[in-house]
């Protein structure tokens, strides 16, 4: 009977080692698939971020151009504001639009309404 036990034990050992080898190969395949998937996801994330970066750079360039235009408009308007704040402009505006004169000043060729 001892020989039968040994035969049973001998037949069981190869099955266990075969199963372990299969498990090891299966684990290795799963690991390779997981790493491949991870690398694909990293590449996709890189591509998406590069596309976003390109869009942001083009938007930045457009905003810089718009900023330059607005700075030019502000500079032009600053000169106009400075002129409008001067006494020369106030006097001219008062004479032309408000029909105002200095005290003692005589208007020649007055308005047609009078």
N, C-alpha and C. Protein backbone atom coordinates (compact mmCIF):
# COMPACT_ATOMS: atom_id res chain seq x y z
N UNK A 1 0.81 -1.18 0.00
CA UNK A 1 0.00 0.00 0.00
C UNK A 1 0.86 1.25 0.00
N UNK A 2 2.03 1.12 0.51
CA UNK A 2 2.90 2.27 0.54
C UNK A 2 3.25 2.73 -0.87
N UNK A 3 3.35 1.81 -1.76
CA UNK A 3 3.66 2.17 -3.12
C UNK A 3 2.52 2.92 -3.79
N UNK A 4 1.30 2.58 -3.44
CA UNK A 4 0.16 3.29 -4.00
C UNK A 4 0.13 4.73 -3.51
N UNK A 5 0.47 4.92 -2.23
CA UNK A 5 0.51 6.28 -1.69
C UNK A 5 1.57 7.10 -2.41
N UNK A 6 2.69 6.50 -2.64
CA UNK A 6 3.77 7.22 -3.31
C UNK A 6 3.37 7.58 -4.74
N UNK A 7 2.67 6.67 -5.39
CA UNK A 7 2.23 6.94 -6.74
C UNK A 7 1.23 8.09 -6.76
N UNK A 8 0.35 8.13 -5.79
CA UNK A 8 -0.64 9.20 -5.72
C UNK A 8 0.05 10.52 -5.44
N UNK A 9 1.01 10.48 -4.52
CA UNK A 9 1.74 11.69 -4.20
C UNK A 9 2.55 12.16 -5.40
N UNK A 10 3.14 11.25 -6.12
CA UNK A 10 3.93 11.61 -7.28
C UNK A 10 3.05 12.24 -8.37
N UNK A 11 1.86 11.74 -8.55
CA UNK A 11 0.99 12.29 -9.57
C UNK A 11 0.42 13.64 -9.14
N UNK A 12 0.28 13.87 -7.88
CA UNK A 12 -0.26 15.14 -7.40
C UNK A 12 0.77 16.27 -7.50
N UNK A 13 2.01 15.99 -7.28
CA UNK A 13 3.04 17.02 -7.30
C UNK A 13 3.17 17.68 -8.67
N UNK A 14 3.22 16.97 -9.75
CA UNK A 14 3.32 17.64 -11.04
C UNK A 14 2.11 18.50 -11.33
N UNK A 15 0.95 18.07 -10.92
CA UNK A 15 -0.23 18.90 -11.15
C UNK A 15 -0.12 20.22 -10.41
N UNK A 16 0.35 20.19 -9.20
CA UNK A 16 0.51 21.40 -8.41
C UNK A 16 1.54 22.31 -9.06
N UNK A 17 2.65 21.76 -9.47
CA UNK A 17 3.68 22.59 -10.08
C UNK A 17 3.21 23.13 -11.43
N UNK A 18 2.44 22.40 -12.19
CA UNK A 18 1.89 22.86 -13.44
C UNK A 18 0.90 23.99 -13.21
N UNK A 19 0.10 23.87 -12.19
CA UNK A 19 -0.86 24.91 -11.86
C UNK A 19 -0.13 26.17 -11.42
N UNK A 20 0.93 26.01 -10.65
CA UNK A 20 1.71 27.16 -10.21
C UNK A 20 2.36 27.85 -11.41
N UNK A 21 2.84 27.08 -12.34
CA UNK A 21 3.45 27.65 -13.54
C UNK A 21 2.40 28.40 -14.34
N UNK A 22 1.21 27.79 -14.46
CA UNK A 22 0.14 28.47 -15.18
C UNK A 22 -0.28 29.75 -14.48
N UNK A 23 -0.35 29.69 -13.15
CA UNK A 23 -0.69 30.90 -12.38
C UNK A 23 0.37 31.97 -12.57
N UNK A 24 1.61 31.58 -12.57
CA UNK A 24 2.70 32.52 -12.74
C UNK A 24 2.65 33.17 -14.12
N UNK A 25 2.39 32.36 -15.15
CA UNK A 25 2.29 32.89 -16.51
C UNK A 25 1.07 33.81 -16.61
N UNK A 26 -0.04 33.40 -16.00
CA UNK A 26 -1.25 34.22 -16.03
C UNK A 26 -1.02 35.55 -15.31
N UNK A 27 -0.35 35.52 -14.17
CA UNK A 27 -0.05 36.75 -13.43
C UNK A 27 0.86 37.66 -14.25
N UNK A 28 1.84 37.05 -14.92
CA UNK A 28 2.75 37.83 -15.74
C UNK A 28 2.00 38.48 -16.90
N UNK A 29 1.09 37.74 -17.53
CA UNK A 29 0.30 38.28 -18.63
C UNK A 29 -0.60 39.41 -18.15
N UNK A 30 -1.20 39.23 -17.00
CA UNK A 30 -2.06 40.28 -16.44
C UNK A 30 -1.22 41.51 -16.13
N UNK A 31 -0.05 41.32 -15.57
CA UNK A 31 0.84 42.44 -15.25
C UNK A 31 1.27 43.18 -16.52
N UNK A 32 1.61 42.44 -17.56
CA UNK A 32 2.02 43.06 -18.83
C UNK A 32 0.84 43.83 -19.44
N UNK A 33 -0.35 43.24 -19.39
CA UNK A 33 -1.53 43.92 -19.93
C UNK A 33 -1.83 45.19 -19.14
N UNK A 34 -1.72 45.12 -17.81
CA UNK A 34 -1.98 46.29 -16.97
C UNK A 34 -0.95 47.39 -17.24
N UNK A 35 0.30 47.02 -17.36
CA UNK A 35 1.34 48.02 -17.64
C UNK A 35 1.15 48.64 -19.03
N UNK A 36 0.76 47.81 -19.99
CA UNK A 36 0.51 48.32 -21.34
C UNK A 36 -0.65 49.30 -21.33
N UNK A 37 -1.71 48.95 -20.63
CA UNK A 37 -2.87 49.84 -20.51
C UNK A 37 -2.47 51.14 -19.82
N UNK A 38 -1.67 51.03 -18.78
CA UNK A 38 -1.20 52.21 -18.06
C UNK A 38 -0.39 53.12 -18.97
N UNK A 39 0.49 52.53 -19.77
CA UNK A 39 1.31 53.33 -20.69
C UNK A 39 0.45 53.99 -21.76
N UNK A 40 -0.56 53.27 -22.26
CA UNK A 40 -1.46 53.86 -23.26
C UNK A 40 -2.20 55.04 -22.65
N UNK A 41 -2.67 54.89 -21.42
CA UNK A 41 -3.35 56.00 -20.75
C UNK A 41 -2.42 57.20 -20.55
N UNK A 42 -1.18 56.95 -20.21
CA UNK A 42 -0.22 58.04 -20.05
C UNK A 42 0.02 58.76 -21.38
N UNK A 43 0.12 58.02 -22.46
CA UNK A 43 0.34 58.63 -23.77
C UNK A 43 -0.88 59.46 -24.17
N UNK A 44 -2.07 58.93 -23.92
CA UNK A 44 -3.29 59.68 -24.24
C UNK A 44 -3.36 60.97 -23.41
N UNK A 45 -3.03 60.88 -22.12
CA UNK A 45 -3.03 62.07 -21.26
C UNK A 45 -2.01 63.09 -21.76
N UNK A 46 -0.86 62.62 -22.21
CA UNK A 46 0.16 63.53 -22.74
C UNK A 46 -0.35 64.24 -24.00
N UNK A 47 -0.98 63.50 -24.89
CA UNK A 47 -1.50 64.10 -26.13
C UNK A 47 -2.57 65.13 -25.81
N UNK A 48 -3.48 64.79 -24.90
CA UNK A 48 -4.55 65.72 -24.52
C UNK A 48 -3.95 67.00 -23.93
N UNK A 49 -2.97 66.86 -23.07
CA UNK A 49 -2.35 68.04 -22.46
C UNK A 49 -1.58 68.87 -23.48
N UNK A 50 -0.96 68.24 -24.45
CA UNK A 50 -0.27 69.00 -25.49
C UNK A 50 -1.25 69.79 -26.35
N UNK A 51 -2.39 69.19 -26.64
CA UNK A 51 -3.42 69.90 -27.40
C UNK A 51 -3.94 71.09 -26.60
N UNK A 52 -4.19 70.87 -25.32
CA UNK A 52 -4.66 71.97 -24.46
C UNK A 52 -3.61 73.07 -24.38
N UNK A 53 -2.36 72.70 -24.27
CA UNK A 53 -1.29 73.69 -24.19
C UNK A 53 -1.23 74.52 -25.46
N UNK A 54 -1.40 73.88 -26.61
CA UNK A 54 -1.43 74.62 -27.87
C UNK A 54 -2.58 75.61 -27.92
N UNK A 55 -3.75 75.19 -27.44
CA UNK A 55 -4.91 76.08 -27.43
C UNK A 55 -4.68 77.24 -26.47
N UNK A 56 -4.09 76.97 -25.34
CA UNK A 56 -3.82 78.03 -24.37
C UNK A 56 -2.80 79.02 -24.92
N UNK A 57 -1.78 78.52 -25.60
CA UNK A 57 -0.78 79.42 -26.18
C UNK A 57 -1.37 80.31 -27.26
N UNK A 58 -2.25 79.75 -28.09
CA UNK A 58 -2.87 80.58 -29.12
C UNK A 58 -3.81 81.61 -28.49
N UNK A 59 -4.51 81.22 -27.44
CA UNK A 59 -5.38 82.17 -26.73
C UNK A 59 -4.54 83.27 -26.07
N UNK A 60 -3.39 82.89 -25.53
CA UNK A 60 -2.50 83.87 -24.91
C UNK A 60 -2.01 84.89 -25.94
N UNK A 61 -1.65 84.40 -27.12
CA UNK A 61 -1.17 85.29 -28.18
C UNK A 61 -2.28 86.26 -28.59
N UNK A 62 -3.51 85.75 -28.73
CA UNK A 62 -4.64 86.61 -29.10
C UNK A 62 -4.90 87.66 -28.03
N UNK A 63 -4.80 87.26 -26.77
CA UNK A 63 -5.03 88.22 -25.67
C UNK A 63 -3.93 89.27 -25.61
N UNK A 64 -2.70 88.87 -25.92
CA UNK A 64 -1.60 89.85 -25.94
C UNK A 64 -1.83 90.89 -27.05
N UNK A 65 -2.31 90.44 -28.21
CA UNK A 65 -2.61 91.38 -29.29
C UNK A 65 -3.75 92.31 -28.90
N UNK A 66 -4.78 91.76 -28.28
CA UNK A 66 -5.91 92.59 -27.83
C UNK A 66 -5.45 93.57 -26.76
N UNK A 67 -4.56 93.14 -25.88
CA UNK A 67 -4.04 94.03 -24.84
C UNK A 67 -3.27 95.18 -25.46
N UNK A 68 -2.47 94.91 -26.50
CA UNK A 68 -1.71 95.97 -27.17
C UNK A 68 -2.66 96.98 -27.81
N UNK A 69 -3.73 96.50 -28.44
CA UNK A 69 -4.71 97.41 -29.04
C UNK A 69 -5.39 98.27 -27.98
N UNK A 70 -5.76 97.64 -26.88
CA UNK A 70 -6.43 98.40 -25.81
C UNK A 70 -5.49 99.41 -25.16
N UNK A 71 -4.23 99.06 -25.01
CA UNK A 71 -3.25 100.01 -24.47
C UNK A 71 -3.12 101.22 -25.39
N UNK A 72 -3.14 100.98 -26.69
CA UNK A 72 -3.06 102.08 -27.64
C UNK A 72 -4.30 102.97 -27.54
N UNK A 73 -5.47 102.37 -27.42
CA UNK A 73 -6.72 103.15 -27.27
C UNK A 73 -6.69 103.95 -25.99
N UNK A 74 -6.20 103.34 -24.91
CA UNK A 74 -6.12 104.04 -23.63
C UNK A 74 -5.18 105.23 -23.74
N UNK A 75 -4.05 105.04 -24.42
CA UNK A 75 -3.10 106.15 -24.58
C UNK A 75 -3.73 107.28 -25.38
N UNK A 76 -4.46 106.93 -26.44
CA UNK A 76 -5.14 107.96 -27.25
C UNK A 76 -6.19 108.68 -26.42
N UNK A 77 -6.96 107.93 -25.67
CA UNK A 77 -8.00 108.54 -24.84
C UNK A 77 -7.42 109.35 -23.69
N UNK A 78 -6.26 108.96 -23.19
CA UNK A 78 -5.63 109.73 -22.12
C UNK A 78 -5.25 111.12 -22.64
N UNK A 79 -4.76 111.19 -23.88
CA UNK A 79 -4.45 112.49 -24.47
C UNK A 79 -5.72 113.32 -24.63
N UNK A 80 -6.82 112.69 -25.04
CA UNK A 80 -8.09 113.40 -25.20
C UNK A 80 -8.61 113.88 -23.85
N UNK A 81 -8.49 113.05 -22.83
CA UNK A 81 -8.94 113.45 -21.48
C UNK A 81 -8.11 114.62 -20.98
N UNK A 82 -6.81 114.56 -21.24
CA UNK A 82 -5.93 115.67 -20.82
C UNK A 82 -6.35 116.97 -21.52
N UNK A 83 -6.66 116.88 -22.82
CA UNK A 83 -7.09 118.07 -23.57
C UNK A 83 -8.43 118.57 -23.04
N UNK A 84 -9.35 117.66 -22.77
CA UNK A 84 -10.68 118.06 -22.28
C UNK A 84 -10.61 118.68 -20.88
N UNK A 85 -9.56 118.38 -20.14
CA UNK A 85 -9.41 118.95 -18.80
C UNK A 85 -8.76 120.33 -18.84
N UNK A 86 -8.25 120.73 -19.99
CA UNK A 86 -7.55 122.01 -20.08
C UNK A 86 -8.56 123.17 -20.11
N UNK A 87 -8.10 124.34 -19.70
CA UNK A 87 -8.96 125.53 -19.71
C UNK A 87 -9.28 125.95 -21.14
N UNK A 88 -8.38 125.69 -22.07
CA UNK A 88 -8.61 126.03 -23.47
C UNK A 88 -9.86 125.31 -23.99
N UNK A 89 -9.98 124.03 -23.69
CA UNK A 89 -11.15 123.28 -24.16
C UNK A 89 -12.43 123.75 -23.47
N UNK A 90 -12.34 124.01 -22.18
CA UNK A 90 -13.53 124.44 -21.44
C UNK A 90 -14.03 125.77 -22.00
N UNK A 91 -13.14 126.71 -22.26
CA UNK A 91 -13.55 127.99 -22.83
C UNK A 91 -14.16 127.81 -24.22
N UNK A 92 -13.52 127.00 -25.04
CA UNK A 92 -14.04 126.78 -26.39
C UNK A 92 -15.42 126.12 -26.35
N UNK A 93 -15.58 125.14 -25.48
CA UNK A 93 -16.86 124.45 -25.36
C UNK A 93 -17.95 125.40 -24.86
N UNK A 94 -17.61 126.22 -23.87
CA UNK A 94 -18.59 127.16 -23.32
C UNK A 94 -19.03 128.17 -24.37
N UNK A 95 -18.12 128.65 -25.16
CA UNK A 95 -18.47 129.62 -26.20
C UNK A 95 -19.31 128.97 -27.29
N UNK A 96 -18.89 127.80 -27.72
CA UNK A 96 -19.53 127.18 -28.87
C UNK A 96 -20.89 126.55 -28.55
N UNK A 97 -21.00 125.85 -27.46
CA UNK A 97 -22.20 125.09 -27.17
C UNK A 97 -23.12 125.74 -26.13
N UNK A 98 -22.58 126.56 -25.28
CA UNK A 98 -23.40 127.15 -24.22
C UNK A 98 -23.63 128.65 -24.43
N UNK A 99 -23.11 129.20 -25.52
CA UNK A 99 -23.24 130.62 -25.84
C UNK A 99 -22.83 131.51 -24.67
N UNK A 100 -21.74 131.17 -24.04
CA UNK A 100 -21.25 131.95 -22.91
C UNK A 100 -20.14 132.89 -23.39
N UNK A 101 -20.00 134.03 -22.68
CA UNK A 101 -18.94 134.99 -22.99
C UNK A 101 -18.35 135.47 -21.68
N UNK A 102 -17.19 136.12 -21.80
CA UNK A 102 -16.59 136.75 -20.63
C UNK A 102 -17.39 137.99 -20.29
N UNK A 103 -17.26 138.44 -19.05
CA UNK A 103 -17.92 139.70 -18.66
C UNK A 103 -17.33 140.84 -19.46
N UNK A 104 -18.21 141.64 -19.98
CA UNK A 104 -17.79 142.81 -20.75
C UNK A 104 -17.42 142.49 -22.18
N UNK A 105 -17.50 141.25 -22.60
CA UNK A 105 -17.16 140.87 -23.97
C UNK A 105 -18.37 141.10 -24.87
N UNK A 106 -18.12 141.66 -26.04
CA UNK A 106 -19.20 141.95 -26.99
C UNK A 106 -19.16 140.90 -28.08
N UNK A 107 -20.33 140.27 -28.35
CA UNK A 107 -20.43 139.22 -29.36
C UNK A 107 -20.79 139.87 -30.66
N UNK A 108 -20.01 139.63 -31.69
CA UNK A 108 -20.30 140.14 -33.03
C UNK A 108 -20.82 138.99 -33.85
N UNK A 109 -21.93 139.19 -34.53
CA UNK A 109 -22.52 138.09 -35.33
C UNK A 109 -23.15 137.08 -34.43
N UNK A 110 -24.05 137.53 -33.54
CA UNK A 110 -24.69 136.66 -32.56
C UNK A 110 -25.51 135.56 -33.19
N UNK A 111 -26.14 134.81 -32.36
CA UNK A 111 -26.92 133.65 -32.83
C UNK A 111 -28.17 134.12 -33.54
N UNK A 112 -28.71 133.29 -34.39
CA UNK A 112 -29.87 133.60 -35.20
C UNK A 112 -31.16 133.53 -34.39
N UNK A 113 -31.14 132.92 -33.23
CA UNK A 113 -32.34 132.77 -32.41
C UNK A 113 -32.81 134.10 -31.84
N UNK A 114 -31.89 135.03 -31.62
CA UNK A 114 -32.24 136.30 -30.97
C UNK A 114 -32.94 137.22 -31.85
